Amino acid sequence: MKKNIAIIVLSLLSLFLILFSYIKGKEAEKNLILARNSMKEAQLHKTKAEEEAANALRIQTISERVQADAERTAAELKACRSRN
């Protein structure tokens, strides 16, 4: 009788452990999916930040060219005025 009770208890414990392992496995799968989604979102943010940085660099380059053109034009205007 004690042997049968021990077998029943061990069987129930085994079933509990199997169920617990299954639940933990499902949680791990869900966490993996969330982590992958977060990684994809982070990659999108990184790409957007890189694009914005490249645009800022382009704007800075254009601004420097415009500034140089303005300085050159001002110098030419000054030279023309000094001739007249």
Protein backbone atom coordinates (compact mmCIF):
# COMPACT_ATOMS: atom_id res chain seq x y z
CA MET A 1 0.00 0.00 0.00
CA LYS A 2 2.77 2.46 0.94
CA LYS A 3 4.54 1.50 -2.26
CA ASN A 4 1.42 2.35 -4.30
CA ILE A 5 1.04 5.71 -2.55
CA ALA A 6 4.69 6.51 -3.23
CA ILE A 7 4.23 5.63 -6.91
CA ILE A 8 1.11 7.83 -7.11
CA VAL A 9 2.89 10.74 -5.40
CA LEU A 10 5.91 10.38 -7.68
CA SER A 11 3.64 10.14 -10.73
CA LEU A 12 1.79 13.30 -9.71
CA LEU A 13 5.09 15.04 -9.07
CA SER A 14 6.35 13.97 -12.50
CA LEU A 15 3.16 15.26 -14.13
CA PHE A 16 3.54 18.54 -12.29
CA LEU A 17 7.16 18.86 -13.40
CA ILE A 18 6.22 18.08 -17.00
CA LEU A 19 3.45 20.68 -16.92
CA PHE A 20 5.74 23.21 -15.24
CA SER A 21 8.43 22.61 -17.87
CA TYR A 22 5.88 23.03 -20.65
CA ILE A 23 4.66 26.34 -19.19
CA LYS A 24 8.22 27.59 -18.76
CA GLY A 25 9.00 26.58 -22.34
CA LYS A 26 6.02 28.57 -23.61
CA GLU A 27 7.13 31.58 -21.56
CA ALA A 28 10.63 31.26 -23.01
CA GLU A 29 9.20 31.17 -26.55
CA LYS A 30 7.13 34.27 -25.83
CA ASN A 31 10.16 36.07 -24.38
CA LEU A 32 12.21 35.09 -27.43
CA ILE A 33 9.56 36.56 -29.74
CA LEU A 34 9.48 39.77 -27.68
CA ALA A 35 13.27 39.98 -27.74
CA ARG A 36 13.35 39.52 -31.51
CA ASN A 37 10.70 42.21 -31.96
CA SER A 38 12.65 44.56 -29.71
CA MET A 39 15.80 43.84 -31.69
CA LYS A 40 14.01 44.62 -34.96
CA GLU A 41 12.65 47.85 -33.51
CA ALA A 42 16.10 48.83 -32.25
CA GLN A 43 17.54 48.16 -35.70
CA LEU A 44 14.88 50.41 -37.25
CA HIS A 45 15.72 53.18 -34.78
CA LYS A 46 19.42 52.74 -35.52
CA THR A 47 18.81 52.94 -39.26
CA LYS A 48 16.68 56.06 -38.83
CA ALA A 49 19.33 57.69 -36.64
CA GLU A 50 22.02 56.89 -39.21
CA GLU A 51 19.88 58.42 -41.96
CA GLU A 52 19.29 61.54 -39.88
CA ALA A 53 23.02 61.82 -39.17
CA ALA A 54 23.80 61.50 -42.88
CA ASN A 55 21.20 64.16 -43.69
CA ALA A 56 22.65 66.47 -41.04
CA LEU A 57 26.11 66.00 -42.55
CA ARG A 58 24.76 66.80 -46.02
CA ILE A 59 23.06 69.92 -44.70
CA GLN A 60 26.25 71.00 -42.95
CA THR A 61 28.24 70.51 -46.16
CA ILE A 62 25.71 72.53 -48.16
CA SER A 63 25.72 75.24 -45.50
CA GLU A 64 29.51 75.45 -45.65
CA ARG A 65 29.39 75.75 -49.44
CA VAL A 66 26.75 78.49 -49.25
CA GLN A 67 28.82 80.32 -46.64
CA ALA A 68 31.92 80.09 -48.85
CA ASP A 69 29.93 81.33 -51.85
CA ALA A 70 28.58 84.24 -49.81
CA GLU A 71 32.07 85.17 -48.64
CA ARG A 72 33.41 84.94 -52.21
CA THR A 73 30.54 87.07 -53.52
CA ALA A 74 31.10 89.65 -50.77
CA ALA A 75 34.80 89.79 -51.64
CA GLU A 76 34.02 90.21 -55.34
CA LEU A 77 31.51 92.96 -54.56
CA LYS A 78 34.04 94.73 -52.36
CA ALA A 79 36.65 94.45 -55.13
CA CYS A 80 34.22 95.89 -57.69
CA ARG A 81 33.34 98.80 -55.41
CA SER A 82 36.97 99.60 -54.76
CA ARG A 83 37.66 99.73 -58.51
CA ASN A 84 34.85 102.21 -59.11
